[in-house]
Amino acid sequence: MLKKITQPLVMPYWWQDLIIAIPRIVYGYLLTADFGAAKFGLPWSPKDNNLGFFEVAFWFPEDVKSYGGVFALFPVFFAWMGAFSEAVGGIFLVLGLQTRLFSFLIVCTMAVAVFVQQMGNGMWNMLPGMGFLWVAMYTMILGSGRFGLDYLISKKQLTHAK
């Protein structure tokens, strides 16, 4: 099952995979370097946030709790998962490693960001989350393509299977 999730679809020409990889890499970088690092402790998180490694910003669980419903019941869990999917998921998107798995986590996080957190704040506030949502949706289907570690891992597994 893990092999099936890892193996990416490969386009007929290398340049098609490159065109598909560019948004994955750019959005992955933005997720981990800016959006995720601001609320989740990573070595490059802003020093002013005083976050320990893998620690969630103090304000984020309260923000998540305000969404109501199941989010109000488990705000720390959902805050940690959301921040983790952005910060760590961004790294995995850049690398093209377990692309589909982390894309799924990012799709879940961005769907909440767009349709729960930002829905009442107008279309312009929803656009950043929508951009991440769309990129994560196509990478969840295609995987990393030829320009990611998933491709190298699945290629190596295929050679060893022969």
N, C-alpha and C. Protein backbone atom coordinates (compact mmCIF):
# COMPACT_ATOMS: atom_id res chain seq x y z
N MET A 1 0.83 -1.20 0.00
CA MET A 1 0.00 0.00 0.00
C MET A 1 0.87 1.26 0.00
N LEU A 2 1.91 1.28 0.85
CA LEU A 2 2.80 2.44 0.91
C LEU A 2 3.50 2.65 -0.43
N LYS A 3 3.83 1.54 -1.09
CA LYS A 3 4.49 1.63 -2.40
C LYS A 3 3.56 2.31 -3.42
N LYS A 4 2.27 1.95 -3.36
CA LYS A 4 1.30 2.54 -4.27
C LYS A 4 1.12 4.04 -4.02
N ILE A 5 1.15 4.42 -2.74
CA ILE A 5 1.01 5.83 -2.38
C ILE A 5 2.25 6.62 -2.80
N THR A 6 3.41 5.99 -2.68
CA THR A 6 4.68 6.66 -2.96
C THR A 6 4.93 6.85 -4.45
N GLN A 7 4.62 5.86 -5.26
CA GLN A 7 4.95 5.91 -6.68
C GLN A 7 4.17 7.00 -7.40
N PRO A 8 4.86 8.01 -7.93
CA PRO A 8 4.17 9.11 -8.61
C PRO A 8 3.81 8.75 -10.05
N LEU A 9 2.86 9.49 -10.57
CA LEU A 9 2.58 9.41 -12.00
C LEU A 9 3.68 10.20 -12.71
N VAL A 10 4.13 9.69 -13.82
CA VAL A 10 5.20 10.36 -14.57
C VAL A 10 4.63 10.76 -15.93
N MET A 11 4.83 12.02 -16.27
CA MET A 11 4.35 12.54 -17.54
C MET A 11 5.22 11.99 -18.68
N PRO A 12 4.71 12.04 -19.91
CA PRO A 12 5.47 11.51 -21.05
C PRO A 12 6.81 12.21 -21.29
N TYR A 13 6.90 13.49 -20.99
CA TYR A 13 8.12 14.25 -21.23
C TYR A 13 8.61 14.87 -19.93
N TRP A 14 9.93 14.97 -19.75
CA TRP A 14 10.52 15.49 -18.52
C TRP A 14 10.09 16.92 -18.23
N TRP A 15 9.93 17.73 -19.29
CA TRP A 15 9.59 19.13 -19.09
C TRP A 15 8.17 19.29 -18.52
N GLN A 16 7.29 18.33 -18.79
CA GLN A 16 5.95 18.36 -18.20
C GLN A 16 6.04 18.13 -16.68
N ASP A 17 6.89 17.20 -16.29
CA ASP A 17 7.10 16.97 -14.86
C ASP A 17 7.73 18.19 -14.20
N LEU A 18 8.61 18.87 -14.90
CA LEU A 18 9.24 20.07 -14.36
C LEU A 18 8.19 21.18 -14.14
N ILE A 19 7.31 21.37 -15.11
CA ILE A 19 6.26 22.39 -14.98
C ILE A 19 5.34 22.07 -13.80
N ILE A 20 5.06 20.80 -13.59
CA ILE A 20 4.22 20.40 -12.47
C ILE A 20 4.97 20.53 -11.14
N ALA A 21 6.29 20.33 -11.16
CA ALA A 21 7.08 20.39 -9.92
C ALA A 21 7.26 21.81 -9.40
N ILE A 22 7.29 22.79 -10.28
CA ILE A 22 7.57 24.16 -9.85
C ILE A 22 6.56 24.66 -8.81
N PRO A 23 5.24 24.58 -9.05
CA PRO A 23 4.31 25.03 -7.99
C PRO A 23 4.43 24.21 -6.71
N ARG A 24 4.66 22.91 -6.83
CA ARG A 24 4.82 22.05 -5.65
C ARG A 24 5.98 22.54 -4.79
N ILE A 25 7.09 22.83 -5.42
CA ILE A 25 8.29 23.27 -4.70
C ILE A 25 8.10 24.68 -4.12
N VAL A 26 7.56 25.60 -4.91
CA VAL A 26 7.36 26.97 -4.44
C VAL A 26 6.35 27.00 -3.29
N TYR A 27 5.21 26.36 -3.45
CA TYR A 27 4.19 26.36 -2.41
C TYR A 27 4.69 25.61 -1.18
N GLY A 28 5.43 24.52 -1.36
CA GLY A 28 6.01 23.81 -0.22
C GLY A 28 6.95 24.69 0.56
N TYR A 29 7.78 25.44 -0.16
CA TYR A 29 8.71 26.36 0.50
C TYR A 29 7.96 27.43 1.27
N LEU A 30 6.95 28.03 0.64
CA LEU A 30 6.17 29.07 1.32
C LEU A 30 5.45 28.53 2.55
N LEU A 31 4.92 27.32 2.45
CA LEU A 31 4.24 26.71 3.59
C LEU A 31 5.19 26.55 4.77
N THR A 32 6.36 25.99 4.52
CA THR A 32 7.27 25.71 5.63
C THR A 32 8.03 26.93 6.11
N ALA A 33 8.43 27.81 5.20
CA ALA A 33 9.27 28.95 5.58
C ALA A 33 8.46 30.09 6.19
N ASP A 34 7.20 30.24 5.81
CA ASP A 34 6.43 31.38 6.29
C ASP A 34 5.20 30.96 7.07
N PHE A 35 4.24 30.35 6.41
CA PHE A 35 2.96 30.04 7.05
C PHE A 35 3.12 29.08 8.23
N GLY A 36 3.79 27.98 8.02
CA GLY A 36 3.96 26.99 9.09
C GLY A 36 4.94 27.42 10.16
N ALA A 37 6.06 28.00 9.76
CA ALA A 37 7.10 28.38 10.72
C ALA A 37 6.63 29.45 11.69
N ALA A 38 5.63 30.23 11.32
CA ALA A 38 5.12 31.28 12.21
C ALA A 38 4.33 30.69 13.38
N LYS A 39 3.78 29.47 13.18
CA LYS A 39 2.96 28.89 14.24
C LYS A 39 3.44 27.54 14.74
N PHE A 40 4.56 27.06 14.22
CA PHE A 40 5.07 25.73 14.60
C PHE A 40 6.59 25.82 14.71
N GLY A 41 7.13 25.33 15.82
CA GLY A 41 8.55 25.46 16.09
C GLY A 41 9.44 24.63 15.17
N LEU A 42 10.18 25.32 14.34
CA LEU A 42 11.18 24.72 13.46
C LEU A 42 12.46 25.56 13.61
N PRO A 43 13.61 25.04 13.18
CA PRO A 43 14.84 25.83 13.33
C PRO A 43 14.77 27.21 12.67
N TRP A 44 13.94 27.40 11.65
CA TRP A 44 13.86 28.69 10.96
C TRP A 44 12.62 29.50 11.38
N SER A 45 11.93 29.07 12.43
CA SER A 45 10.81 29.87 12.94
C SER A 45 11.33 31.21 13.46
N PRO A 46 10.53 32.27 13.32
CA PRO A 46 10.97 33.57 13.83
C PRO A 46 11.33 33.49 15.31
N LYS A 47 12.47 34.02 15.66
CA LYS A 47 12.94 33.98 17.06
C LYS A 47 11.96 34.68 18.00
N ASP A 48 11.29 35.73 17.50
CA ASP A 48 10.33 36.48 18.32
C ASP A 48 9.15 35.62 18.78
N ASN A 49 8.86 34.52 18.07
CA ASN A 49 7.73 33.67 18.43
C ASN A 49 8.04 32.76 19.62
N ASN A 50 9.33 32.64 19.99
CA ASN A 50 9.75 31.82 21.14
C ASN A 50 9.16 30.41 21.11
N LEU A 51 9.28 29.74 19.97
CA LEU A 51 8.73 28.40 19.83
C LEU A 51 9.83 27.36 19.99
N GLY A 52 9.58 26.37 20.84
CA GLY A 52 10.47 25.22 20.92
C GLY A 52 10.23 24.33 19.71
N PHE A 53 11.12 23.37 19.51
CA PHE A 53 11.02 22.46 18.36
C PHE A 53 9.68 21.70 18.41
N PHE A 54 8.92 21.77 17.35
CA PHE A 54 7.60 21.14 17.19
C PHE A 54 6.56 21.68 18.18
N GLU A 55 6.76 22.86 18.70
CA GLU A 55 5.81 23.49 19.60
C GLU A 55 4.88 24.40 18.79
N VAL A 56 3.61 24.40 19.17
CA VAL A 56 2.61 25.23 18.49
C VAL A 56 2.54 26.59 19.20
N ALA A 57 2.39 27.65 18.42
CA ALA A 57 2.25 28.99 18.96
C ALA A 57 1.09 29.03 19.96
N PHE A 58 1.27 29.75 21.05
CA PHE A 58 0.29 29.78 22.15
C PHE A 58 -1.10 30.23 21.70
N TRP A 59 -1.17 31.11 20.71
CA TRP A 59 -2.44 31.67 20.27
C TRP A 59 -3.22 30.75 19.33
N PHE A 60 -2.54 29.78 18.70
CA PHE A 60 -3.18 29.01 17.64
C PHE A 60 -4.30 28.09 18.15
N PRO A 61 -4.14 27.36 19.27
CA PRO A 61 -5.28 26.55 19.74
C PRO A 61 -6.54 27.37 20.04
N GLU A 62 -6.36 28.59 20.54
CA GLU A 62 -7.53 29.45 20.79
C GLU A 62 -8.20 29.85 19.49
N ASP A 63 -7.40 30.11 18.48
CA ASP A 63 -7.93 30.44 17.14
C ASP A 63 -8.73 29.26 16.61
N VAL A 64 -8.17 28.06 16.73
CA VAL A 64 -8.84 26.85 16.25
C VAL A 64 -10.12 26.60 17.04
N LYS A 65 -10.08 26.83 18.33
CA LYS A 65 -11.26 26.62 19.19
C LYS A 65 -12.43 27.50 18.75
N SER A 66 -12.12 28.68 18.25
CA SER A 66 -13.17 29.61 17.83
C SER A 66 -13.95 29.13 16.60
N TYR A 67 -13.44 28.11 15.90
CA TYR A 67 -14.15 27.57 14.75
C TYR A 67 -15.41 26.82 15.17
N GLY A 68 -15.46 26.39 16.45
CA GLY A 68 -16.61 25.68 16.98
C GLY A 68 -16.62 24.21 16.58
N GLY A 69 -17.71 23.54 16.92
CA GLY A 69 -17.88 22.12 16.60
C GLY A 69 -16.78 21.26 17.15
N VAL A 70 -16.34 20.32 16.34
CA VAL A 70 -15.29 19.38 16.76
C VAL A 70 -13.98 20.11 17.07
N PHE A 71 -13.74 21.25 16.44
CA PHE A 71 -12.52 22.02 16.68
C PHE A 71 -12.50 22.56 18.11
N ALA A 72 -13.66 22.90 18.65
CA ALA A 72 -13.75 23.39 20.03
C ALA A 72 -13.52 22.26 21.03
N LEU A 73 -13.80 21.03 20.64
CA LEU A 73 -13.60 19.89 21.54
C LEU A 73 -12.13 19.51 21.66
N PHE A 74 -11.38 19.62 20.58
CA PHE A 74 -9.98 19.20 20.56
C PHE A 74 -9.09 20.28 19.91
N PRO A 75 -9.09 21.49 20.43
CA PRO A 75 -8.36 22.58 19.77
C PRO A 75 -6.84 22.37 19.71
N VAL A 76 -6.26 21.79 20.74
CA VAL A 76 -4.80 21.59 20.75
C VAL A 76 -4.41 20.56 19.69
N PHE A 77 -5.18 19.48 19.59
CA PHE A 77 -4.89 18.45 18.58
C PHE A 77 -4.99 19.04 17.17
N PHE A 78 -6.09 19.74 16.88
CA PHE A 78 -6.27 20.28 15.54
C PHE A 78 -5.28 21.39 15.23
N ALA A 79 -4.92 22.19 16.24
CA ALA A 79 -3.91 23.23 16.03
C ALA A 79 -2.57 22.58 15.71
N TRP A 80 -2.21 21.55 16.46
CA TRP A 80 -0.93 20.88 16.23
C TRP A 80 -0.91 20.23 14.84
N MET A 81 -1.99 19.54 14.48
CA MET A 81 -2.05 18.88 13.17
C MET A 81 -2.01 19.89 12.03
N GLY A 82 -2.72 20.99 12.17
CA GLY A 82 -2.72 22.02 11.13
C GLY A 82 -1.35 22.65 10.96
N ALA A 83 -0.73 23.01 12.09
CA ALA A 83 0.59 23.63 12.03
C ALA A 83 1.63 22.64 11.51
N PHE A 84 1.54 21.38 11.95
CA PHE A 84 2.44 20.33 11.47
C PHE A 84 2.30 20.13 9.97
N SER A 85 1.07 20.06 9.48
CA SER A 85 0.87 19.82 8.04
C SER A 85 1.43 20.96 7.20
N GLU A 86 1.35 22.18 7.71
CA GLU A 86 1.92 23.31 6.97
C GLU A 86 3.45 23.30 7.05
N ALA A 87 3.98 23.24 8.26
CA ALA A 87 5.43 23.37 8.46
C ALA A 87 6.20 22.17 7.94
N VAL A 88 5.82 20.98 8.38
CA VAL A 88 6.54 19.77 7.98
C VAL A 88 6.08 19.31 6.61
N GLY A 89 4.78 19.43 6.33
CA GLY A 89 4.26 19.07 5.01
C GLY A 89 4.91 19.87 3.90
N GLY A 90 5.21 21.14 4.17
CA GLY A 90 5.90 21.98 3.19
C GLY A 90 7.27 21.44 2.85
N ILE A 91 7.99 20.97 3.87
CA ILE A 91 9.32 20.37 3.64
C ILE A 91 9.19 19.16 2.73
N PHE A 92 8.21 18.31 3.04
CA PHE A 92 8.02 17.09 2.26
C PHE A 92 7.58 17.39 0.83
N LEU A 93 6.80 18.46 0.63
CA LEU A 93 6.44 18.85 -0.74
C LEU A 93 7.67 19.32 -1.51
N VAL A 94 8.51 20.13 -0.87
CA VAL A 94 9.73 20.60 -1.54
C VAL A 94 10.57 19.41 -1.98
N LEU A 95 10.72 18.43 -1.10
CA LEU A 95 11.54 17.26 -1.40
C LEU A 95 10.84 16.26 -2.33
N GLY A 96 9.53 16.35 -2.42
CA GLY A 96 8.79 15.37 -3.21
C GLY A 96 8.81 14.02 -2.52
N LEU A 97 8.74 14.03 -1.20
CA LEU A 97 8.81 12.80 -0.39
C LEU A 97 7.47 12.56 0.28
N GLN A 98 6.92 11.36 0.08
CA GLN A 98 5.57 11.03 0.57
C GLN A 98 4.60 12.16 0.21
N THR A 99 4.69 12.56 -1.03
CA THR A 99 3.95 13.71 -1.55
C THR A 99 2.44 13.56 -1.38
N ARG A 100 1.92 12.40 -1.71
CA ARG A 100 0.47 12.21 -1.63
C ARG A 100 -0.02 12.27 -0.18
N LEU A 101 0.69 11.63 0.73
CA LEU A 101 0.29 11.63 2.14
C LEU A 101 0.27 13.04 2.71
N PHE A 102 1.35 13.80 2.51
CA PHE A 102 1.40 15.15 3.04
C PHE A 102 0.48 16.09 2.28
N SER A 103 0.24 15.82 1.01
CA SER A 103 -0.73 16.63 0.26
C SER A 103 -2.13 16.44 0.85
N PHE A 104 -2.46 15.23 1.25
CA PHE A 104 -3.75 14.98 1.89
C PHE A 104 -3.89 15.80 3.17
N LEU A 105 -2.84 15.81 4.00
CA LEU A 105 -2.87 16.59 5.24
C LEU A 105 -3.04 18.09 4.94
N ILE A 106 -2.34 18.55 3.91
CA ILE A 106 -2.43 19.97 3.53
C ILE A 106 -3.82 20.28 2.96
N VAL A 107 -4.40 19.38 2.19
CA VAL A 107 -5.76 19.58 1.68
C VAL A 107 -6.73 19.75 2.85
N CYS A 108 -6.63 18.88 3.84
CA CYS A 108 -7.51 18.97 5.01
C CYS A 108 -7.32 20.31 5.72
N THR A 109 -6.08 20.70 5.94
CA THR A 109 -5.78 21.95 6.64
C THR A 109 -6.28 23.15 5.86
N MET A 110 -6.03 23.17 4.56
CA MET A 110 -6.43 24.32 3.75
C MET A 110 -7.93 24.38 3.54
N ALA A 111 -8.59 23.25 3.50
CA ALA A 111 -10.06 23.26 3.41
C ALA A 111 -10.65 23.92 4.65
N VAL A 112 -10.08 23.63 5.81
CA VAL A 112 -10.53 24.29 7.05
C VAL A 112 -10.20 25.78 6.99
N ALA A 113 -8.99 26.11 6.55
CA ALA A 113 -8.58 27.51 6.48
C ALA A 113 -9.50 28.31 5.55
N VAL A 114 -9.83 27.74 4.41
CA VAL A 114 -10.65 28.45 3.42
C VAL A 114 -12.12 28.48 3.82
N PHE A 115 -12.68 27.31 4.14
CA PHE A 115 -14.13 27.21 4.31
C PHE A 115 -14.62 27.39 5.74
N VAL A 116 -13.71 27.36 6.72
CA VAL A 116 -14.13 27.58 8.10
C VAL A 116 -13.56 28.90 8.63
N GLN A 117 -12.25 29.05 8.52
CA GLN A 117 -11.60 30.23 9.09
C GLN A 117 -11.87 31.50 8.30
N GLN A 118 -11.72 31.46 6.98
CA GLN A 118 -11.75 32.68 6.16
C GLN A 118 -13.06 32.92 5.40
N MET A 119 -13.99 31.99 5.44
CA MET A 119 -15.20 32.09 4.64
C MET A 119 -15.94 33.42 4.85
N GLY A 120 -16.05 33.89 6.06
CA GLY A 120 -16.79 35.11 6.32
C GLY A 120 -15.98 36.39 6.13
N ASN A 121 -14.71 36.25 5.74
CA ASN A 121 -13.83 37.42 5.62
C ASN A 121 -13.63 37.89 4.18
N GLY A 122 -14.37 37.34 3.26
CA GLY A 122 -14.28 37.78 1.86
C GLY A 122 -13.32 36.94 1.03
N MET A 123 -13.53 37.02 -0.27
CA MET A 123 -12.77 36.22 -1.23
C MET A 123 -11.27 36.47 -1.16
N TRP A 124 -10.84 37.71 -0.99
CA TRP A 124 -9.40 38.00 -0.99
C TRP A 124 -8.68 37.30 0.15
N ASN A 125 -9.33 37.18 1.29
CA ASN A 125 -8.72 36.47 2.42
C ASN A 125 -8.69 34.97 2.20
N MET A 126 -9.57 34.46 1.36
CA MET A 126 -9.62 33.03 1.08
C MET A 126 -8.59 32.60 0.03
N LEU A 127 -8.13 33.53 -0.80
CA LEU A 127 -7.27 33.17 -1.93
C LEU A 127 -5.96 32.47 -1.57
N PRO A 128 -5.20 32.92 -0.56
CA PRO A 128 -3.95 32.19 -0.26
C PRO A 128 -4.21 30.72 0.09
N GLY A 129 -5.20 30.47 0.93
CA GLY A 129 -5.53 29.09 1.29
C GLY A 129 -6.01 28.30 0.09
N MET A 130 -6.75 28.96 -0.81
CA MET A 130 -7.22 28.27 -2.02
C MET A 130 -6.05 27.87 -2.91
N GLY A 131 -5.06 28.74 -3.03
CA GLY A 131 -3.89 28.40 -3.83
C GLY A 131 -3.19 27.16 -3.30
N PHE A 132 -2.97 27.12 -1.99
CA PHE A 132 -2.34 25.94 -1.38
C PHE A 132 -3.24 24.71 -1.54
N LEU A 133 -4.54 24.90 -1.41
CA LEU A 133 -5.50 23.81 -1.57
C LEU A 133 -5.43 23.20 -2.97
N TRP A 134 -5.42 24.04 -4.00
CA TRP A 134 -5.39 23.53 -5.37
C TRP A 134 -4.09 22.79 -5.68
N VAL A 135 -2.96 23.36 -5.26
CA VAL A 135 -1.67 22.68 -5.51
C VAL A 135 -1.64 21.35 -4.77
N ALA A 136 -2.10 21.33 -3.53
CA ALA A 136 -2.11 20.08 -2.76
C ALA A 136 -3.05 19.05 -3.38
N MET A 137 -4.15 19.51 -3.98
CA MET A 137 -5.07 18.56 -4.61
C MET A 137 -4.42 17.88 -5.82
N TYR A 138 -3.74 18.65 -6.65
CA TYR A 138 -3.15 18.00 -7.82
C TYR A 138 -1.94 17.15 -7.43
N THR A 139 -1.18 17.56 -6.41
CA THR A 139 -0.05 16.71 -6.00
C THR A 139 -0.53 15.47 -5.26
N MET A 140 -1.72 15.55 -4.65
CA MET A 140 -2.28 14.36 -4.01
C MET A 140 -2.63 13.31 -5.08
N ILE A 141 -3.01 13.76 -6.24
CA ILE A 141 -3.36 12.84 -7.33
C ILE A 141 -2.12 12.39 -8.10
N LEU A 142 -1.25 13.34 -8.48
CA LEU A 142 -0.11 13.02 -9.33
C LEU A 142 1.11 12.52 -8.56
N GLY A 143 1.25 12.91 -7.31
CA GLY A 143 2.48 12.61 -6.59
C GLY A 143 3.55 13.63 -6.97
N SER A 144 4.79 13.27 -6.76
CA SER A 144 5.89 14.22 -6.98
C SER A 144 6.29 14.36 -8.44
N GLY A 145 5.89 13.41 -9.27
CA GLY A 145 6.40 13.40 -10.65
C GLY A 145 7.85 12.95 -10.64
N ARG A 146 8.54 13.23 -11.71
CA ARG A 146 9.93 12.80 -11.91
C ARG A 146 10.92 13.57 -11.03
N PHE A 147 10.52 14.76 -10.54
CA PHE A 147 11.43 15.63 -9.80
C PHE A 147 11.12 15.61 -8.31
N GLY A 148 11.26 14.44 -7.72
CA GLY A 148 11.04 14.28 -6.29
C GLY A 148 11.64 12.98 -5.80
N LEU A 149 11.82 12.90 -4.50
CA LEU A 149 12.40 11.69 -3.92
C LEU A 149 11.49 10.47 -4.07
N ASP A 150 10.18 10.69 -4.13
CA ASP A 150 9.25 9.57 -4.35
C ASP A 150 9.58 8.83 -5.63
N TYR A 151 9.93 9.57 -6.67
CA TYR A 151 10.28 8.96 -7.96
C TYR A 151 11.54 8.11 -7.82
N LEU A 152 12.55 8.65 -7.15
CA LEU A 152 13.80 7.91 -6.97
C LEU A 152 13.59 6.66 -6.12
N ILE A 153 12.79 6.78 -5.07
CA ILE A 153 12.51 5.64 -4.20
C ILE A 153 11.74 4.57 -4.95
N SER A 154 10.70 4.96 -5.68
CA SER A 154 9.91 3.96 -6.42
C SER A 154 10.71 3.36 -7.55
N LYS A 155 11.58 4.13 -8.18
CA LYS A 155 12.45 3.61 -9.25
C LYS A 155 13.41 2.58 -8.68
N LYS A 156 13.97 2.86 -7.50
CA LYS A 156 14.89 1.94 -6.84
C LYS A 156 14.15 0.65 -6.45
N GLN A 157 12.92 0.78 -5.95
CA GLN A 157 12.15 -0.40 -5.57
C GLN A 157 11.82 -1.27 -6.78
N LEU A 158 11.54 -0.64 -7.90
CA LEU A 158 11.24 -1.40 -9.12
C LEU A 158 12.47 -2.15 -9.61
N THR A 159 13.66 -1.54 -9.48
CA THR A 159 14.89 -2.21 -9.92
C THR A 159 15.20 -3.40 -9.02
N HIS A 160 14.96 -3.24 -7.74
CA HIS A 160 15.23 -4.36 -6.81
C HIS A 160 14.22 -5.49 -6.95
N ALA A 161 13.02 -5.18 -7.42
CA ALA A 161 11.99 -6.18 -7.58
C ALA A 161 12.26 -7.10 -8.77
N LYS A 162 13.06 -6.62 -9.72
CA LYS A 162 13.31 -7.42 -10.94
C LYS A 162 14.27 -8.53 -10.70
